[in-house]
Amino acid sequence: MKNYFDLTGRVALVTGASSGLGVQIAKALANQGADLAIVARRESKLLAVKEEIEALGVKCYIHCCDVSNVEEIKQTVKDVEAHYGKIDILCNNAGIGLFDAAEKQSDEIWQTMMHVNLDAPYYFSREVAKGMIERGYGRIIMTGSIHSTVGMMELPLSAYATTKGGIRMMVKQLATEWAKYGITVNAIGPAYFPSEMTSDVIGSSDFQEVIKARCPMGRAGRDGELDGAVIYFASEASSYTTGQLLSIDGGWTAI
């Protein structure tokens, strides 16, 4: 029986892979046989993740990159392609969560959020797609959010939600432009999962009440609950799926 989820022989580049969801995504791909290139700013964190991934029996290449710098993005893609000879799968996962009330929010917060959460996924996609177009194959997976589709009263998320809403439309447009080249572009839309970025929010008793009220399953996500969606979008199983955002949210966006 054919395993449509087998990624043996594929090379995946994962941004924001030094902690949180990026580590989960990288391990999910490695468990299906993909070789990894993991990208983030903190080398020590990347080295620790590299050990975990190589223990799964695949190769792992690390590269430090400030994703808010387009020149570093270009160089990162060149270096990964030089190392492996190709990039088959790109997971645009790097992101930050700065927020303040919209009427008080500084220009710096807004601009930083746009550079990291919206510009970087576009620039990585653009640079990686050049090689994918030449080879006639590619899988691009964005990390969106439930806030790609819904807002929130309890937190001042104007900048964050704007970037994640932008990701949803970026996915649709890139999917439309690149389908003819054998490239699919999709996004996962997580609700709240434990990570460095969300620990303070999820850990508060007030926010636990928000989750119980807004999420039919009444809880945050758990390690491993994104894996199936990521593997699906990265694999041959999704060969006729493009331009989509799949919410992994315990039913949050269903109500």
Foldseek 3Di string as FASTA:
>chain_A
DDDQLAPAPAEEEFEPLLWDPNLLLLQLNLLSHYAYEYEEADPVSQVVSQVVSVVSVHHYHYDYADLLDLVRLLVVLVVVCVVSVAHAEYELEWAAADFDAPVPDDPVVLVVRCSTLAVSLVSNCVNRVVRLLVVLHHFYEYEAAVLLPDDDDPGGRVSNSVSRVNLLVVQQVVQVVCVVSHYAGEYEHEYAEDIPRCCVVQVDPVNLVVQLVQAPVSHHDYRPLCSVVSSCRSGSVCSPDHSYYHYSYNCNNVD
